[in-house]
Amino acid sequence: MPCDQEMTNPHKEMISSADGRKFDAYVSEPTSPNGHAVIVLQEIFGVTADIRRVADRFAQDGFVAYAPDLFWRMSPGVELTHSKEGMQRALELLGQYQDEDGVSDIAQTAAHIRKDFQGKVAAAGLCLGGKLAYLAATLATVDAAVAFYGVGIEKRLDAAAAIRCPLMLHFGDQDPYVSDQSREQIANALANKAVQSHLYPGANHGFYTRGQAADIELARQRTNAFLKRALTA
Protein backbone atom coordinates (compact mmCIF):
# COMPACT_ATOMS: atom_id res chain seq x y z
CA MET A 1 0.00 0.00 0.00
CA PRO A 2 1.41 3.41 -0.90
CA CYS A 3 2.80 5.41 1.99
CA ASP A 4 1.96 9.11 2.00
CA GLN A 5 4.94 11.41 2.38
CA GLU A 6 5.25 15.14 2.88
CA MET A 7 5.59 17.08 -0.37
CA THR A 8 8.61 19.21 -1.09
CA ASN A 9 8.52 22.29 -3.29
CA PRO A 10 5.07 22.24 -4.90
CA HIS A 11 5.29 25.07 -7.41
CA LYS A 12 4.41 26.26 -10.90
CA GLU A 13 6.57 26.17 -13.99
CA MET A 14 6.12 27.83 -17.36
CA ILE A 15 6.14 25.54 -20.40
CA SER A 16 6.66 26.64 -24.00
CA SER A 17 3.90 25.73 -26.40
CA ALA A 18 4.57 24.56 -29.95
CA ASP A 19 4.06 28.11 -31.24
CA GLY A 20 6.33 29.71 -28.64
CA ARG A 21 3.69 30.94 -26.21
CA LYS A 22 3.77 29.89 -22.56
CA PHE A 23 1.41 28.00 -20.28
CA ASP A 24 1.47 27.09 -16.58
CA ALA A 25 1.91 23.68 -15.01
CA TYR A 26 1.45 22.78 -11.36
CA VAL A 27 4.44 20.70 -10.27
CA SER A 28 4.59 18.39 -7.25
CA GLU A 29 7.95 16.88 -6.39
CA PRO A 30 8.46 13.73 -4.30
CA THR A 31 10.61 13.48 -1.20
CA SER A 32 11.70 10.00 -2.34
CA PRO A 33 11.94 10.10 -6.15
CA ASN A 34 11.55 6.87 -8.10
CA GLY A 35 13.28 8.38 -11.13
CA HIS A 36 10.18 8.86 -13.31
CA ALA A 37 7.57 11.54 -14.04
CA VAL A 38 3.81 11.67 -14.66
CA ILE A 39 1.91 14.32 -16.62
CA VAL A 40 -1.48 14.68 -14.92
CA LEU A 41 -4.21 15.69 -17.36
CA GLN A 42 -7.14 17.67 -16.03
CA GLU A 43 -10.88 17.21 -16.09
CA ILE A 44 -13.07 19.83 -17.83
CA PHE A 45 -12.97 21.98 -14.68
CA GLY A 46 -9.31 23.02 -15.01
CA VAL A 47 -6.30 22.36 -12.78
CA THR A 48 -8.47 22.36 -9.68
CA ALA A 49 -7.66 21.37 -6.11
CA ASP A 50 -8.79 17.84 -7.05
CA ILE A 51 -6.28 17.66 -9.90
CA ARG A 52 -3.53 19.08 -7.72
CA ARG A 53 -4.29 16.40 -5.14
CA VAL A 54 -3.97 13.73 -7.84
CA ALA A 55 -0.59 15.21 -8.79
CA ASP A 56 0.41 15.21 -5.13
CA ARG A 57 -0.71 11.58 -4.86
CA PHE A 58 1.64 10.64 -7.69
CA ALA A 59 4.42 12.58 -5.96
CA GLN A 60 3.70 10.72 -2.73
CA ASP A 61 4.33 7.55 -4.74
CA GLY A 62 7.69 8.81 -5.99
CA PHE A 63 6.89 10.49 -9.32
CA VAL A 64 7.65 14.04 -10.31
CA ALA A 65 4.14 15.18 -11.27
CA TYR A 66 3.24 17.94 -13.73
CA ALA A 67 -0.36 19.11 -14.20
CA PRO A 68 -0.38 21.47 -17.21
CA ASP A 69 -3.16 24.01 -17.75
CA LEU A 70 -4.81 22.58 -20.85
CA PHE A 71 -7.38 25.38 -21.18
CA TRP A 72 -4.74 28.14 -21.33
CA ARG A 73 -5.68 29.18 -24.86
CA MET A 74 -9.27 29.95 -23.84
CA SER A 75 -9.29 30.70 -20.11
CA PRO A 76 -5.84 30.59 -18.46
CA GLY A 77 -5.85 29.38 -14.86
CA VAL A 78 -9.56 28.58 -14.82
CA GLU A 79 -10.80 26.54 -11.84
CA LEU A 80 -14.47 25.63 -11.92
CA THR A 81 -16.74 23.95 -9.39
CA HIS A 82 -19.42 21.31 -9.94
CA SER A 83 -22.15 23.90 -9.50
CA LYS A 84 -24.72 24.45 -12.26
CA GLU A 85 -22.83 27.57 -13.38
CA GLY A 86 -19.47 25.83 -13.16
CA MET A 87 -20.69 22.87 -15.18
CA GLN A 88 -22.16 25.16 -17.83
CA ARG A 89 -18.88 27.04 -18.19
CA ALA A 90 -16.89 23.78 -18.25
CA LEU A 91 -19.05 22.43 -21.06
CA GLU A 92 -18.62 25.69 -22.99
CA LEU A 93 -14.85 25.35 -22.73
CA LEU A 94 -15.02 21.70 -23.70
CA GLY A 95 -17.03 22.64 -26.78
CA GLN A 96 -14.22 24.96 -27.89
CA TYR A 97 -11.40 22.56 -27.05
CA GLN A 98 -9.41 20.71 -29.71
CA ASP A 99 -7.87 17.31 -28.97
CA GLU A 100 -4.92 18.24 -31.16
CA ASP A 101 -4.09 21.15 -28.85
CA GLY A 102 -4.05 18.78 -25.89
CA VAL A 103 -1.80 16.29 -27.69
CA SER A 104 0.56 19.14 -28.58
CA ASP A 105 0.65 20.43 -25.00
CA ILE A 106 1.35 16.94 -23.65
CA ALA A 107 4.28 16.58 -26.06
CA GLN A 108 5.61 20.00 -25.06
CA THR A 109 5.25 19.19 -21.35
CA ALA A 110 7.10 15.91 -21.86
CA ALA A 111 9.87 17.74 -23.73
CA HIS A 112 10.07 20.31 -20.92
CA ILE A 113 10.44 17.55 -18.32
CA ARG A 114 13.10 15.72 -20.31
CA LYS A 115 15.37 18.78 -20.57
CA ASP A 116 16.91 18.04 -17.17
CA PHE A 117 15.48 14.61 -16.46
CA GLN A 118 16.83 11.18 -17.30
CA GLY A 119 13.83 9.09 -16.28
CA LYS A 120 10.78 8.01 -18.23
CA VAL A 121 7.57 10.00 -18.56
CA ALA A 122 3.98 8.77 -18.34
CA ALA A 123 0.67 10.54 -18.91
CA ALA A 124 -2.34 10.02 -16.64
CA GLY A 125 -5.65 11.79 -17.15
CA LEU A 126 -9.19 12.00 -15.85
CA CYS A 127 -12.41 12.56 -17.87
CA LEU A 128 -11.26 14.83 -20.73
CA GLY A 129 -7.74 14.09 -19.56
CA GLY A 130 -8.48 10.38 -19.79
CA LYS A 131 -9.20 10.69 -23.50
CA LEU A 132 -6.06 12.78 -23.90
CA ALA A 133 -4.01 10.16 -22.02
CA TYR A 134 -5.29 7.57 -24.49
CA LEU A 135 -4.24 9.83 -27.36
CA ALA A 136 -0.90 10.49 -25.63
CA ALA A 137 -0.17 6.76 -25.93
CA THR A 138 0.40 7.47 -29.64
CA LEU A 139 3.26 9.89 -28.86
CA ALA A 140 6.92 8.92 -28.98
CA THR A 141 7.61 11.24 -26.02
CA VAL A 142 5.36 9.29 -23.61
CA ASP A 143 6.45 5.92 -22.25
CA ALA A 144 3.13 4.82 -20.69
CA ALA A 145 -0.40 6.18 -20.27
CA VAL A 146 -3.24 5.77 -17.78
CA ALA A 147 -6.81 6.89 -18.53
CA PHE A 148 -9.36 7.29 -15.75
CA TYR A 149 -12.90 7.24 -17.18
CA GLY A 150 -11.88 8.90 -20.42
CA VAL A 151 -14.92 10.46 -22.05
CA GLY A 152 -15.03 10.20 -25.82
CA ILE A 153 -12.35 7.55 -26.36
CA GLU A 154 -14.87 5.59 -28.44
CA LYS A 155 -15.03 8.60 -30.79
CA ARG A 156 -11.26 8.52 -31.33
CA LEU A 157 -10.72 4.86 -32.09
CA ASP A 158 -9.11 6.03 -35.31
CA ALA A 159 -6.00 6.51 -33.16
CA ALA A 160 -5.99 2.95 -31.79
CA ALA A 161 -3.65 1.61 -34.47
CA ALA A 162 -1.04 4.25 -33.57
CA ILE A 163 -0.75 3.32 -29.89
CA ARG A 164 2.91 2.71 -29.21
CA CYS A 165 3.25 2.32 -25.42
CA PRO A 166 1.53 0.43 -22.58
CA LEU A 167 -1.91 1.80 -21.70
CA MET A 168 -4.16 1.25 -18.66
CA LEU A 169 -7.86 2.15 -18.56
CA HIS A 170 -10.05 2.59 -15.46
CA PHE A 171 -13.86 2.76 -15.68
CA GLY A 172 -16.75 2.80 -13.23
CA ASP A 173 -19.69 0.63 -14.27
CA GLN A 174 -22.16 3.33 -13.19
CA ASP A 175 -20.55 6.08 -15.28
CA PRO A 176 -23.28 7.85 -17.30
CA TYR A 177 -20.67 9.36 -19.64
CA VAL A 178 -19.01 6.06 -20.62
CA SER A 179 -21.69 3.52 -21.48
CA ASP A 180 -21.44 -0.27 -21.58
CA GLN A 181 -21.55 0.02 -25.37
CA SER A 182 -18.70 2.54 -25.39
CA ARG A 183 -16.54 0.31 -23.20
CA GLU A 184 -17.24 -2.63 -25.50
CA GLN A 185 -16.26 -0.60 -28.56
CA ILE A 186 -13.04 0.49 -26.86
CA ALA A 187 -12.20 -3.06 -25.77
CA ASN A 188 -12.73 -4.43 -29.27
CA ALA A 189 -10.60 -1.71 -30.88
CA LEU A 190 -7.73 -2.24 -28.42
CA ALA A 191 -7.87 -6.03 -28.25
CA ASN A 192 -4.51 -6.48 -29.99
CA LYS A 193 -2.71 -3.71 -28.09
CA ALA A 194 -0.74 -3.71 -24.81
CA VAL A 195 -3.75 -2.45 -22.86
CA GLN A 196 -5.03 -3.31 -19.39
CA SER A 197 -8.59 -2.35 -18.46
CA HIS A 198 -10.26 -2.34 -15.04
CA LEU A 199 -13.95 -1.96 -14.21
CA TYR A 200 -15.05 -0.76 -10.75
CA PRO A 201 -18.48 -2.11 -9.71
CA GLY A 202 -20.75 0.59 -8.34
CA ALA A 203 -18.32 3.40 -9.21
CA ASN A 204 -19.57 6.54 -10.92
CA HIS A 205 -17.84 9.11 -13.09
CA GLY A 206 -15.11 10.97 -11.22
CA PHE A 207 -14.53 8.19 -8.72
CA TYR A 208 -10.76 8.77 -8.53
CA THR A 209 -11.23 12.21 -6.99
CA ARG A 210 -14.62 11.95 -5.25
CA GLY A 211 -15.52 8.28 -5.08
CA GLN A 212 -15.20 5.55 -2.50
CA ALA A 213 -11.86 5.40 -0.68
CA ALA A 214 -11.52 1.68 -1.45
CA ASP A 215 -11.90 2.29 -5.20
CA ILE A 216 -9.41 5.15 -5.10
CA GLU A 217 -6.86 3.04 -3.26
CA LEU A 218 -7.33 0.03 -5.56
CA ALA A 219 -6.95 2.21 -8.67
CA ARG A 220 -3.89 3.80 -7.13
CA GLN A 221 -2.26 0.44 -6.42
CA ARG A 222 -3.07 -0.87 -9.88
CA THR A 223 -1.70 2.28 -11.50
CA ASN A 224 1.52 2.20 -9.50
CA ALA A 225 2.12 -1.48 -10.29
CA PHE A 226 1.42 -0.85 -13.98
CA LEU A 227 3.73 2.16 -14.16
CA LYS A 228 6.49 0.34 -12.29
CA ARG A 229 6.42 -2.41 -14.91
CA ALA A 230 5.97 -0.12 -17.90
CA LEU A 231 8.61 2.44 -16.96
CA THR A 232 11.31 0.02 -15.85
CA ALA A 233 10.98 -2.31 -18.83
C-alpha atoms as a PDB file:
ATOM      1  CA  MET A   1       0.000   0.000   0.000  1.00  0.00           C
ATOM      2  CA  PRO A   2       1.413   3.407  -0.899  1.00  0.00           C
ATOM      3  CA  CYS A   3       2.800   5.407   1.986  1.00  0.00           C
ATOM      4  CA  ASP A   4       1.964   9.111   2.005  1.00  0.00           C
ATOM      5  CA  GLN A   5       4.939  11.411   2.379  1.00  0.00           C
ATOM      6  CA  GLU A   6       5.253  15.143   2.878  1.00  0.00           C
ATOM      7  CA  MET A   7       5.587  17.076  -0.370  1.00  0.00           C
ATOM      8  CA  THR A   8       8.607  19.215  -1.087  1.00  0.00           C
ATOM      9  CA  ASN A   9       8.517  22.289  -3.288  1.00  0.00           C
ATOM     10  CA  PRO A  10       5.073  22.241  -4.902  1.00  0.00           C
ATOM     11  CA  HIS A  11       5.286  25.074  -7.412  1.00  0.00           C
ATOM     12  CA  LYS A  12       4.405  26.261 -10.901  1.00  0.00           C
ATOM     13  CA  GLU A  13       6.566  26.171 -13.986  1.00  0.00           C
ATOM     14  CA  MET A  14       6.117  27.828 -17.362  1.00  0.00           C
ATOM     15  CA  ILE A  15       6.143  25.544 -20.403  1.00  0.00           C
ATOM     16  CA  SER A  16       6.659  26.645 -23.998  1.00  0.00           C
ATOM     17  CA  SER A  17       3.901  25.729 -26.403  1.00  0.00           C
ATOM     18  CA  ALA A  18       4.573  24.560 -29.953  1.00  0.00           C
ATOM     19  CA  ASP A  19       4.057  28.110 -31.242  1.00  0.00           C
ATOM     20  CA  GLY A  20       6.330  29.709 -28.639  1.00  0.00           C
ATOM     21  CA  ARG A  21       3.693  30.944 -26.209  1.00  0.00           C
ATOM     22  CA  LYS A  22       3.771  29.890 -22.556  1.00  0.00           C
ATOM     23  CA  PHE A  23       1.412  28.002 -20.276  1.00  0.00           C
ATOM     24  CA  ASP A  24       1.475  27.085 -16.584  1.00  0.00           C
ATOM     25  CA  ALA A  25       1.908  23.682 -15.009  1.00  0.00           C
ATOM     26  CA  TYR A  26       1.448  22.777 -11.355  1.00  0.00           C
ATOM     27  CA  VAL A  27       4.439  20.697 -10.271  1.00  0.00           C
ATOM     28  CA  SER A  28       4.590  18.391  -7.251  1.00  0.00           C
ATOM     29  CA  GLU A  29       7.954  16.885  -6.392  1.00  0.00           C
ATOM     30  CA  PRO A  30       8.463  13.731  -4.301  1.00  0.00           C
ATOM     31  CA  THR A  31      10.606  13.478  -1.204  1.00  0.00           C
ATOM     32  CA  SER A  32      11.702   9.996  -2.335  1.00  0.00           C
ATOM     33  CA  PRO A  33      11.936  10.097  -6.153  1.00  0.00           C
ATOM     34  CA  ASN A  34      11.552   6.866  -8.099  1.00  0.00           C
ATOM     35  CA  GLY A  35      13.280   8.378 -11.135  1.00  0.00           C
ATOM     36  CA  HIS A  36      10.181   8.865 -13.307  1.00  0.00           C
ATOM     37  CA  ALA A  37       7.565  11.535 -14.037  1.00  0.00           C
ATOM     38  CA  VAL A  38       3.812  11.666 -14.658  1.00  0.00           C
ATOM     39  CA  ILE A  39       1.915  14.319 -16.620  1.00  0.00           C
ATOM     40  CA  VAL A  40      -1.482  14.675 -14.923  1.00  0.00           C
ATOM     41  CA  LEU A  41      -4.207  15.691 -17.365  1.00  0.00           C
ATOM     42  CA  GLN A  42      -7.137  17.667 -16.030  1.00  0.00           C
ATOM     43  CA  GLU A  43     -10.882  17.213 -16.093  1.00  0.00           C
ATOM     44  CA  ILE A  44     -13.068  19.830 -17.827  1.00  0.00           C
ATOM     45  CA  PHE A  45     -12.974  21.982 -14.677  1.00  0.00           C
ATOM     46  CA  GLY A  46      -9.313  23.022 -15.011  1.00  0.00           C
ATOM     47  CA  VAL A  47      -6.299  22.361 -12.780  1.00  0.00           C
ATOM     48  CA  THR A  48      -8.466  22.364  -9.676  1.00  0.00           C
ATOM     49  CA  ALA A  49      -7.656  21.365  -6.107  1.00  0.00           C
ATOM     50  CA  ASP A  50      -8.792  17.842  -7.052  1.00  0.00           C
ATOM     51  CA  ILE A  51      -6.284  17.660  -9.899  1.00  0.00           C
ATOM     52  CA  ARG A  52      -3.529  19.085  -7.718  1.00  0.00           C
ATOM     53  CA  ARG A  53      -4.291  16.396  -5.141  1.00  0.00           C
ATOM     54  CA  VAL A  54      -3.971  13.729  -7.837  1.00  0.00           C
ATOM     55  CA  ALA A  55      -0.591  15.208  -8.794  1.00  0.00           C
ATOM     56  CA  ASP A  56       0.411  15.212  -5.126  1.00  0.00           C
ATOM     57  CA  ARG A  57      -0.709  11.584  -4.863  1.00  0.00           C
ATOM     58  CA  PHE A  58       1.643  10.640  -7.686  1.00  0.00           C
ATOM     59  CA  ALA A  59       4.423  12.579  -5.961  1.00  0.00           C
ATOM     60  CA  GLN A  60       3.697  10.718  -2.735  1.00  0.00           C
ATOM     61  CA  ASP A  61       4.327   7.554  -4.738  1.00  0.00           C
ATOM     62  CA  GLY A  62       7.695   8.811  -5.995  1.00  0.00           C
ATOM     63  CA  PHE A  63       6.893  10.491  -9.319  1.00  0.00           C
ATOM     64  CA  VAL A  64       7.651  14.043 -10.315  1.00  0.00           C
ATOM     65  CA  ALA A  65       4.136  15.179 -11.265  1.00  0.00           C
ATOM     66  CA  TYR A  66       3.237  17.940 -13.726  1.00  0.00           C
ATOM     67  CA  ALA A  67      -0.359  19.111 -14.202  1.00  0.00           C
ATOM     68  CA  PRO A  68      -0.384  21.472 -17.207  1.00  0.00           C
ATOM     69  CA  ASP A  69      -3.161  24.014 -17.750  1.00  0.00           C
ATOM     70  CA  LEU A  70      -4.812  22.575 -20.853  1.00  0.00           C
ATOM     71  CA  PHE A  71      -7.376  25.382 -21.181  1.00  0.00           C
ATOM     72  CA  TRP A  72      -4.743  28.139 -21.330  1.00  0.00           C
ATOM     73  CA  ARG A  73      -5.676  29.182 -24.858  1.00  0.00           C
ATOM     74  CA  MET A  74      -9.269  29.948 -23.842  1.00  0.00           C
ATOM     75  CA  SER A  75      -9.286  30.697 -20.115  1.00  0.00           C
ATOM     76  CA  PRO A  76      -5.835  30.586 -18.458  1.00  0.00           C
ATOM     77  CA  GLY A  77      -5.849  29.385 -14.864  1.00  0.00           C
ATOM     78  CA  VAL A  78      -9.561  28.579 -14.819  1.00  0.00           C
ATOM     79  CA  GLU A  79     -10.796  26.545 -11.839  1.00  0.00           C
ATOM     80  CA  LEU A  80     -14.467  25.625 -11.917  1.00  0.00           C
ATOM     81  CA  THR A  81     -16.736  23.946  -9.389  1.00  0.00           C
ATOM     82  CA  HIS A  82     -19.423  21.308  -9.945  1.00  0.00           C
ATOM     83  CA  SER A  83     -22.152  23.902  -9.500  1.00  0.00           C
ATOM     84  CA  LYS A  84     -24.716  24.449 -12.256  1.00  0.00           C
ATOM     85  CA  GLU A  85     -22.833  27.568 -13.377  1.00  0.00           C
ATOM     86  CA  GLY A  86     -19.466  25.831 -13.164  1.00  0.00           C
ATOM     87  CA  MET A  87     -20.689  22.870 -15.179  1.00  0.00           C
ATOM     88  CA  GLN A  88     -22.162  25.161 -17.830  1.00  0.00           C
ATOM     89  CA  ARG A  89     -18.879  27.037 -18.193  1.00  0.00           C
ATOM     90  CA  ALA A  90     -16.889  23.784 -18.253  1.00  0.00           C
ATOM     91  CA  LEU A  91     -19.046  22.432 -21.063  1.00  0.00           C
ATOM     92  CA  GLU A  92     -18.625  25.694 -22.989  1.00  0.00           C
ATOM     93  CA  LEU A  93     -14.845  25.355 -22.725  1.00  0.00           C
ATOM     94  CA  LEU A  94     -15.017  21.698 -23.699  1.00  0.00           C
ATOM     95  CA  GLY A  95     -17.029  22.636 -26.782  1.00  0.00           C
ATOM     96  CA  GLN A  96     -14.225  24.960 -27.892  1.00  0.00           C
ATOM     97  CA  TYR A  97     -11.400  22.564 -27.055  1.00  0.00           C
ATOM     98  CA  GLN A  98      -9.406  20.714 -29.708  1.00  0.00           C
ATOM     99  CA  ASP A  99      -7.873  17.308 -28.973  1.00  0.00           C
ATOM    100  CA  GLU A 100      -4.922  18.236 -31.156  1.00  0.00           C
ATOM    101  CA  ASP A 101      -4.087  21.153 -28.845  1.00  0.00           C
ATOM    102  CA  GLY A 102      -4.051  18.776 -25.893  1.00  0.00           C
ATOM    103  CA  VAL A 103      -1.800  16.294 -27.691  1.00  0.00           C
ATOM    104  CA  SER A 104       0.560  19.136 -28.577  1.00  0.00           C
ATOM    105  CA  ASP A 105       0.648  20.429 -25.000  1.00  0.00           C
ATOM    106  CA  ILE A 106       1.352  16.938 -23.654  1.00  0.00           C
ATOM    107  CA  ALA A 107       4.281  16.575 -26.055  1.00  0.00           C
ATOM    108  CA  GLN A 108       5.608  20.003 -25.060  1.00  0.00           C
ATOM    109  CA  THR A 109       5.251  19.188 -21.354  1.00  0.00           C
ATOM    110  CA  ALA A 110       7.100  15.909 -21.865  1.00  0.00           C
ATOM    111  CA  ALA A 111       9.869  17.737 -23.729  1.00  0.00           C
ATOM    112  CA  HIS A 112      10.071  20.314 -20.924  1.00  0.00           C
ATOM    113  CA  ILE A 113      10.440  17.553 -18.323  1.00  0.00           C
ATOM    114  CA  ARG A 114      13.105  15.724 -20.312  1.00  0.00           C
ATOM    115  CA  LYS A 115      15.368  18.783 -20.573  1.00  0.00           C
ATOM    116  CA  ASP A 116      16.906  18.040 -17.171  1.00  0.00           C
ATOM    117  CA  PHE A 117      15.477  14.606 -16.458  1.00  0.00           C
ATOM    118  CA  GLN A 118      16.833  11.182 -17.298  1.00  0.00           C
ATOM    119  CA  GLY A 119      13.833   9.087 -16.282  1.00  0.00           C
ATOM    120  CA  LYS A 120      10.778   8.007 -18.229  1.00  0.00           C
ATOM    121  CA  VAL A 121       7.566  10.002 -18.558  1.00  0.00           C
ATOM    122  CA  ALA A 122       3.979   8.769 -18.337  1.00  0.00           C
ATOM    123  CA  ALA A 123       0.666  10.537 -18.906  1.00  0.00           C
ATOM    124  CA  ALA A 124      -2.338  10.021 -16.643  1.00  0.00           C
ATOM    125  CA  GLY A 125      -5.645  11.787 -17.152  1.00  0.00           C
ATOM    126  CA  LEU A 126      -9.189  11.996 -15.852  1.00  0.00           C
ATOM    127  CA  CYS A 127     -12.405  12.564 -17.868  1.00  0.00           C
ATOM    128  CA  LEU A 128     -11.261  14.834 -20.730  1.00  0.00           C
ATOM    129  CA  GLY A 129      -7.740  14.093 -19.560  1.00  0.00           C
ATOM    130  CA  GLY A 130      -8.484  10.380 -19.791  1.00  0.00           C
ATOM    131  CA  LYS A 131      -9.203  10.689 -23.496  1.00  0.00           C
ATOM    132  CA  LEU A 132      -6.059  12.785 -23.899  1.00  0.00           C
ATOM    133  CA  ALA A 133      -4.006  10.163 -22.015  1.00  0.00           C
ATOM    134  CA  TYR A 134      -5.292   7.573 -24.487  1.00  0.00           C
ATOM    135  CA  LEU A 135      -4.239   9.832 -27.361  1.00  0.00           C
ATOM    136  CA  ALA A 136      -0.904  10.485 -25.632  1.00  0.00           C
ATOM    137  CA  ALA A 137      -0.171   6.761 -25.935  1.00  0.00           C
ATOM    138  CA  THR A 138       0.402   7.471 -29.638  1.00  0.00           C
ATOM    139  CA  LEU A 139       3.261   9.894 -28.858  1.00  0.00           C
ATOM    140  CA  ALA A 140       6.921   8.925 -28.979  1.00  0.00           C
ATOM    141  CA  THR A 141       7.611  11.243 -26.020  1.00  0.00           C
ATOM    142  CA  VAL A 142       5.356   9.295 -23.611  1.00  0.00           C
ATOM    143  CA  ASP A 143       6.447   5.920 -22.246  1.00  0.00           C
ATOM    144  CA  ALA A 144       3.129   4.822 -20.692  1.00  0.00           C
ATOM    145  CA  ALA A 145      -0.395   6.176 -20.266  1.00  0.00           C
ATOM    146  CA  VAL A 146      -3.237   5.770 -17.776  1.00  0.00           C
ATOM    147  CA  ALA A 147      -6.809   6.888 -18.533  1.00  0.00           C
ATOM    148  CA  PHE A 148      -9.355   7.288 -15.749  1.00  0.00           C
ATOM    149  CA  TYR A 149     -12.902   7.241 -17.176  1.00  0.00           C
ATOM    150  CA  GLY A 150     -11.875   8.897 -20.416  1.00  0.00           C
ATOM    151  CA  VAL A 151     -14.920  10.456 -22.052  1.00  0.00           C
ATOM    152  CA  GLY A 152     -15.033  10.201 -25.825  1.00  0.00           C
ATOM    153  CA  ILE A 153     -12.352   7.553 -26.356  1.00  0.00           C
ATOM    154  CA  GLU A 154     -14.865   5.587 -28.439  1.00  0.00           C
ATOM    155  CA  LYS A 155     -15.034   8.603 -30.788  1.00  0.00           C
ATOM    156  CA  ARG A 156     -11.264   8.519 -31.332  1.00  0.00           C
ATOM    157  CA  LEU A 157     -10.717   4.858 -32.086  1.00  0.00           C
ATOM    158  CA  ASP A 158      -9.113   6.034 -35.313  1.00  0.00           C
ATOM    159  CA  ALA A 159      -5.999   6.511 -33.163  1.00  0.00           C
ATOM    160  CA  ALA A 160      -5.990   2.949 -31.791  1.00  0.00           C
ATOM    161  CA  ALA A 161      -3.650   1.610 -34.469  1.00  0.00           C
ATOM    162  CA  ALA A 162      -1.043   4.254 -33.567  1.00  0.00           C
ATOM    163  CA  ILE A 163      -0.755   3.323 -29.891  1.00  0.00           C
ATOM    164  CA  ARG A 164       2.915   2.706 -29.208  1.00  0.00           C
ATOM    165  CA  CYS A 165       3.250   2.323 -25.421  1.00  0.00           C
ATOM    166  CA  PRO A 166       1.533   0.428 -22.578  1.00  0.00           C
ATOM    167  CA  LEU A 167      -1.907   1.802 -21.700  1.00  0.00           C
ATOM    168  CA  MET A 168      -4.157   1.250 -18.663  1.00  0.00           C
ATOM    169  CA  LEU A 169      -7.858   2.152 -18.558  1.00  0.00           C
ATOM    170  CA  HIS A 170     -10.049   2.589 -15.461  1.00  0.00           C
ATOM    171  CA  PHE A 171     -13.863   2.765 -15.682  1.00  0.00           C
ATOM    172  CA  GLY A 172     -16.751   2.798 -13.232  1.00  0.00           C
ATOM    173  CA  ASP A 173     -19.686   0.625 -14.267  1.00  0.00           C
ATOM    174  CA  GLN A 174     -22.163   3.331 -13.192  1.00  0.00           C
ATOM    175  CA  ASP A 175     -20.548   6.081 -15.282  1.00  0.00           C
ATOM    176  CA  PRO A 176     -23.278   7.853 -17.296  1.00  0.00           C
ATOM    177  CA  TYR A 177     -20.672   9.359 -19.637  1.00  0.00           C
ATOM    178  CA  VAL A 178     -19.013   6.056 -20.617  1.00  0.00           C
ATOM    179  CA  SER A 179     -21.693   3.522 -21.475  1.00  0.00           C
ATOM    180  CA  ASP A 180     -21.435  -0.267 -21.583  1.00  0.00           C
ATOM    181  CA  GLN A 181     -21.549   0.024 -25.368  1.00  0.00           C
ATOM    182  CA  SER A 182     -18.703   2.542 -25.388  1.00  0.00           C
ATOM    183  CA  ARG A 183     -16.539   0.312 -23.200  1.00  0.00           C
ATOM    184  CA  GLU A 184     -17.239  -2.632 -25.502  1.00  0.00           C
ATOM    185  CA  GLN A 185     -16.259  -0.597 -28.564  1.00  0.00           C
ATOM    186  CA  ILE A 186     -13.042   0.489 -26.855  1.00  0.00           C
ATOM    187  CA  ALA A 187     -12.201  -3.058 -25.772  1.00  0.00           C
ATOM    188  CA  ASN A 188     -12.729  -4.425 -29.273  1.00  0.00           C
ATOM    189  CA  ALA A 189     -10.598  -1.710 -30.880  1.00  0.00           C
ATOM    190  CA  LEU A 190      -7.735  -2.238 -28.417  1.00  0.00           C
ATOM    191  CA  ALA A 191      -7.873  -6.033 -28.254  1.00  0.00           C
ATOM    192  CA  ASN A 192      -4.513  -6.482 -29.987  1.00  0.00           C
ATOM    193  CA  LYS A 193      -2.711  -3.714 -28.090  1.00  0.00           C
ATOM    194  CA  ALA A 194      -0.737  -3.714 -24.812  1.00  0.00           C
ATOM    195  CA  VAL A 195      -3.748  -2.450 -22.858  1.00  0.00           C
ATOM    196  CA  GLN A 196      -5.035  -3.308 -19.389  1.00  0.00           C
ATOM    197  CA  SER A 197      -8.589  -2.349 -18.463  1.00  0.00           C
ATOM    198  CA  HIS A 198     -10.264  -2.338 -15.036  1.00  0.00           C
ATOM    199  CA  LEU A 199     -13.953  -1.955 -14.210  1.00  0.00           C
ATOM    200  CA  TYR A 200     -15.049  -0.764 -10.748  1.00  0.00           C
ATOM    201  CA  PRO A 201     -18.485  -2.111  -9.706  1.00  0.00           C
ATOM    202  CA  GLY A 202     -20.750   0.593  -8.343  1.00  0.00           C
ATOM    203  CA  ALA A 203     -18.325   3.402  -9.211  1.00  0.00           C
ATOM    204  CA  ASN A 204     -19.570   6.538 -10.921  1.00  0.00           C
ATOM    205  CA  HIS A 205     -17.840   9.109 -13.087  1.00  0.00           C
ATOM    206  CA  GLY A 206     -15.112  10.971 -11.219  1.00  0.00           C
ATOM    207  CA  PHE A 207     -14.529   8.193  -8.719  1.00  0.00           C
ATOM    208  CA  TYR A 208     -10.763   8.770  -8.529  1.00  0.00           C
ATOM    209  CA  THR A 209     -11.225  12.211  -6.989  1.00  0.00           C
ATOM    210  CA  ARG A 210     -14.620  11.953  -5.252  1.00  0.00           C
ATOM    211  CA  GLY A 211     -15.521   8.282  -5.077  1.00  0.00           C
ATOM    212  CA  GLN A 212     -15.199   5.553  -2.499  1.00  0.00           C
ATOM    213  CA  ALA A 213     -11.863   5.398  -0.678  1.00  0.00           C
ATOM    214  CA  ALA A 214     -11.524   1.684  -1.453  1.00  0.00           C
ATOM    215  CA  ASP A 215     -11.899   2.289  -5.204  1.00  0.00           C
ATOM    216  CA  ILE A 216      -9.407   5.153  -5.097  1.00  0.00           C
ATOM    217  CA  GLU A 217      -6.858   3.040  -3.259  1.00  0.00           C
ATOM    218  CA  LEU A 218      -7.327   0.035  -5.563  1.00  0.00           C
ATOM    219  CA  ALA A 219      -6.954   2.206  -8.671  1.00  0.00           C
ATOM    220  CA  ARG A 220      -3.885   3.804  -7.129  1.00  0.00           C
ATOM    221  CA  GLN A 221      -2.264   0.441  -6.421  1.00  0.00           C
ATOM    222  CA  ARG A 222      -3.066  -0.870  -9.878  1.00  0.00           C
ATOM    223  CA  THR A 223      -1.703   2.277 -11.503  1.00  0.00           C
ATOM    224  CA  ASN A 224       1.520   2.196  -9.496  1.00  0.00           C
ATOM    225  CA  ALA A 225       2.116  -1.483 -10.290  1.00  0.00           C
ATOM    226  CA  PHE A 226       1.418  -0.849 -13.979  1.00  0.00           C
ATOM    227  CA  LEU A 227       3.732   2.163 -14.163  1.00  0.00           C
ATOM    228  CA  LYS A 228       6.486   0.340 -12.292  1.00  0.00           C
ATOM    229  CA  ARG A 229       6.418  -2.411 -14.914  1.00  0.00           C
ATOM    230  CA  ALA A 230       5.969  -0.121 -17.896  1.00  0.00           C
ATOM    231  CA  LEU A 231       8.607   2.438 -16.959  1.00  0.00           C
ATOM    232  CA  THR A 232      11.305   0.018 -15.850  1.00  0.00           C
ATOM    233  CA  ALA A 233      10.977  -2.310 -18.833  1.00  0.00           C
END
